[in-house]
Amino acid sequence: MKATVSEDCIGCGLCESTCPEVFSIGDEGTAEVIVDEVPEENEDSAQEAADNCPVSAITVE
């Protein structure tokens, strides 16, 4: 499973607070994925972060 963050990200930090093992707010103030593959134990929280993103900038597949 891989996660991606589009350029639509507004940097609200919800994904980082929901799944800090996968997402971080980068130097430019927007979210970034910090792992190549989402660890199996974090798949549910990564999907929760995608589902709750206010601008639908996160894709997990």
N, C-alpha and C. Protein backbone atom coordinates (compact mmCIF):
# COMPACT_ATOMS: atom_id res chain seq x y z
N MET A 1 0.85 -1.18 0.00
CA MET A 1 0.00 0.00 0.00
C MET A 1 0.90 1.25 0.00
N LYS A 2 0.54 2.19 -0.88
CA LYS A 2 1.29 3.43 -0.97
C LYS A 2 0.37 4.62 -0.70
N ALA A 3 0.94 5.65 -0.14
CA ALA A 3 0.21 6.90 0.11
C ALA A 3 0.85 8.00 -0.72
N THR A 4 0.01 8.91 -1.19
CA THR A 4 0.51 10.08 -1.91
C THR A 4 -0.26 11.31 -1.42
N VAL A 5 0.38 12.46 -1.55
CA VAL A 5 -0.24 13.73 -1.19
C VAL A 5 -0.15 14.63 -2.42
N SER A 6 -1.29 15.15 -2.84
CA SER A 6 -1.31 16.01 -4.03
C SER A 6 -0.94 17.45 -3.67
N GLU A 7 -0.80 18.25 -4.71
CA GLU A 7 -0.46 19.66 -4.51
C GLU A 7 -1.63 20.46 -3.95
N ASP A 8 -2.79 19.82 -3.81
CA ASP A 8 -3.95 20.49 -3.21
C ASP A 8 -3.83 20.64 -1.70
N CYS A 9 -2.85 19.98 -1.10
CA CYS A 9 -2.66 20.00 0.36
C CYS A 9 -2.59 21.44 0.88
N ILE A 10 -3.31 21.67 2.00
CA ILE A 10 -3.30 23.00 2.63
C ILE A 10 -2.47 23.02 3.91
N GLY A 11 -1.87 21.87 4.26
CA GLY A 11 -0.99 21.82 5.42
C GLY A 11 -1.70 21.94 6.75
N CYS A 12 -2.90 21.41 6.86
CA CYS A 12 -3.66 21.55 8.11
C CYS A 12 -3.09 20.68 9.24
N GLY A 13 -2.37 19.63 8.90
CA GLY A 13 -1.73 18.79 9.92
C GLY A 13 -2.57 17.63 10.41
N LEU A 14 -3.80 17.50 9.92
CA LEU A 14 -4.67 16.42 10.36
C LEU A 14 -4.06 15.04 10.06
N CYS A 15 -3.49 14.88 8.89
CA CYS A 15 -2.90 13.58 8.54
C CYS A 15 -1.72 13.24 9.45
N GLU A 16 -0.90 14.22 9.75
CA GLU A 16 0.24 13.99 10.63
C GLU A 16 -0.21 13.61 12.03
N SER A 17 -1.28 14.22 12.51
CA SER A 17 -1.76 13.88 13.85
C SER A 17 -2.47 12.53 13.86
N THR A 18 -3.07 12.15 12.74
CA THR A 18 -3.77 10.87 12.64
C THR A 18 -2.81 9.71 12.43
N CYS A 19 -1.79 9.91 11.61
CA CYS A 19 -0.86 8.83 11.25
C CYS A 19 0.57 9.36 11.09
N PRO A 20 1.22 9.71 12.20
CA PRO A 20 2.57 10.29 12.11
C PRO A 20 3.63 9.32 11.61
N GLU A 21 3.31 8.03 11.56
CA GLU A 21 4.25 7.05 11.03
C GLU A 21 4.36 7.13 9.51
N VAL A 22 3.39 7.79 8.87
CA VAL A 22 3.34 7.86 7.40
C VAL A 22 3.43 9.30 6.89
N PHE A 23 2.84 10.25 7.61
CA PHE A 23 2.77 11.63 7.13
C PHE A 23 3.50 12.60 8.05
N SER A 24 4.05 13.64 7.43
CA SER A 24 4.72 14.70 8.17
C SER A 24 4.48 16.01 7.44
N ILE A 25 4.50 17.10 8.18
CA ILE A 25 4.43 18.42 7.54
C ILE A 25 5.86 18.82 7.21
N GLY A 26 6.11 19.03 5.94
CA GLY A 26 7.45 19.34 5.47
C GLY A 26 7.83 20.79 5.65
N ASP A 27 9.03 21.11 5.20
CA ASP A 27 9.57 22.47 5.33
C ASP A 27 8.73 23.51 4.60
N GLU A 28 8.02 23.08 3.56
CA GLU A 28 7.21 24.02 2.78
C GLU A 28 5.81 24.22 3.38
N GLY A 29 5.55 23.55 4.52
CA GLY A 29 4.28 23.74 5.21
C GLY A 29 3.15 22.86 4.72
N THR A 30 3.45 21.91 3.85
CA THR A 30 2.44 20.98 3.38
C THR A 30 2.84 19.55 3.76
N ALA A 31 1.85 18.66 3.71
CA ALA A 31 2.10 17.27 4.10
C ALA A 31 2.96 16.55 3.08
N GLU A 32 3.70 15.58 3.58
CA GLU A 32 4.48 14.71 2.72
C GLU A 32 4.47 13.30 3.30
N VAL A 33 4.63 12.34 2.43
CA VAL A 33 4.69 10.94 2.84
C VAL A 33 6.14 10.64 3.20
N ILE A 34 6.36 10.04 4.37
CA ILE A 34 7.72 9.82 4.85
C ILE A 34 8.16 8.36 4.78
N VAL A 35 7.34 7.51 4.15
CA VAL A 35 7.70 6.10 3.97
C VAL A 35 7.41 5.71 2.52
N ASP A 36 8.17 4.73 2.00
CA ASP A 36 7.92 4.26 0.64
C ASP A 36 6.66 3.41 0.57
N GLU A 37 6.49 2.54 1.55
CA GLU A 37 5.32 1.67 1.64
C GLU A 37 4.69 1.88 3.01
N VAL A 38 3.37 1.98 3.05
CA VAL A 38 2.67 2.12 4.33
C VAL A 38 2.79 0.79 5.08
N PRO A 39 3.36 0.79 6.28
CA PRO A 39 3.45 -0.45 7.06
C PRO A 39 2.06 -1.02 7.32
N GLU A 40 1.96 -2.33 7.29
CA GLU A 40 0.66 -3.00 7.45
C GLU A 40 -0.08 -2.54 8.71
N GLU A 41 0.67 -2.34 9.79
CA GLU A 41 0.03 -1.93 11.04
C GLU A 41 -0.48 -0.49 11.02
N ASN A 42 -0.11 0.27 10.00
CA ASN A 42 -0.55 1.66 9.88
C ASN A 42 -1.53 1.88 8.74
N GLU A 43 -1.94 0.84 8.07
CA GLU A 43 -2.84 0.99 6.92
C GLU A 43 -4.17 1.63 7.30
N ASP A 44 -4.75 1.20 8.42
CA ASP A 44 -6.04 1.76 8.83
C ASP A 44 -5.95 3.25 9.15
N SER A 45 -4.89 3.65 9.88
CA SER A 45 -4.77 5.06 10.24
C SER A 45 -4.40 5.92 9.02
N ALA A 46 -3.64 5.36 8.07
CA ALA A 46 -3.33 6.09 6.84
C ALA A 46 -4.61 6.31 6.03
N GLN A 47 -5.46 5.30 5.98
CA GLN A 47 -6.74 5.44 5.26
C GLN A 47 -7.64 6.43 5.98
N GLU A 48 -7.62 6.42 7.31
CA GLU A 48 -8.40 7.40 8.07
C GLU A 48 -7.93 8.82 7.77
N ALA A 49 -6.63 9.00 7.67
CA ALA A 49 -6.09 10.33 7.33
C ALA A 49 -6.57 10.76 5.95
N ALA A 50 -6.57 9.84 4.99
CA ALA A 50 -7.05 10.17 3.64
C ALA A 50 -8.53 10.49 3.65
N ASP A 51 -9.31 9.68 4.37
CA ASP A 51 -10.76 9.89 4.43
C ASP A 51 -11.13 11.22 5.08
N ASN A 52 -10.32 11.68 6.02
CA ASN A 52 -10.64 12.90 6.77
C ASN A 52 -9.94 14.15 6.25
N CYS A 53 -9.12 14.02 5.23
CA CYS A 53 -8.42 15.19 4.66
C CYS A 53 -9.47 16.18 4.15
N PRO A 54 -9.44 17.43 4.64
CA PRO A 54 -10.49 18.40 4.27
C PRO A 54 -10.47 18.80 2.80
N VAL A 55 -9.37 18.57 2.10
CA VAL A 55 -9.31 18.93 0.68
C VAL A 55 -9.07 17.70 -0.20
N SER A 56 -9.21 16.51 0.37
CA SER A 56 -9.04 15.25 -0.38
C SER A 56 -7.71 15.19 -1.12
N ALA A 57 -6.66 15.62 -0.46
CA ALA A 57 -5.34 15.65 -1.09
C ALA A 57 -4.57 14.34 -0.92
N ILE A 58 -5.07 13.41 -0.12
CA ILE A 58 -4.36 12.17 0.17
C ILE A 58 -5.02 11.00 -0.54
N THR A 59 -4.17 10.18 -1.18
CA THR A 59 -4.63 8.95 -1.79
C THR A 59 -3.84 7.82 -1.16
N VAL A 60 -4.55 6.74 -0.79
CA VAL A 60 -3.92 5.56 -0.25
C VAL A 60 -4.42 4.38 -1.07
N GLU A 61 -3.50 3.67 -1.72
CA GLU A 61 -3.89 2.51 -2.51
C GLU A 61 -2.82 1.45 -2.52
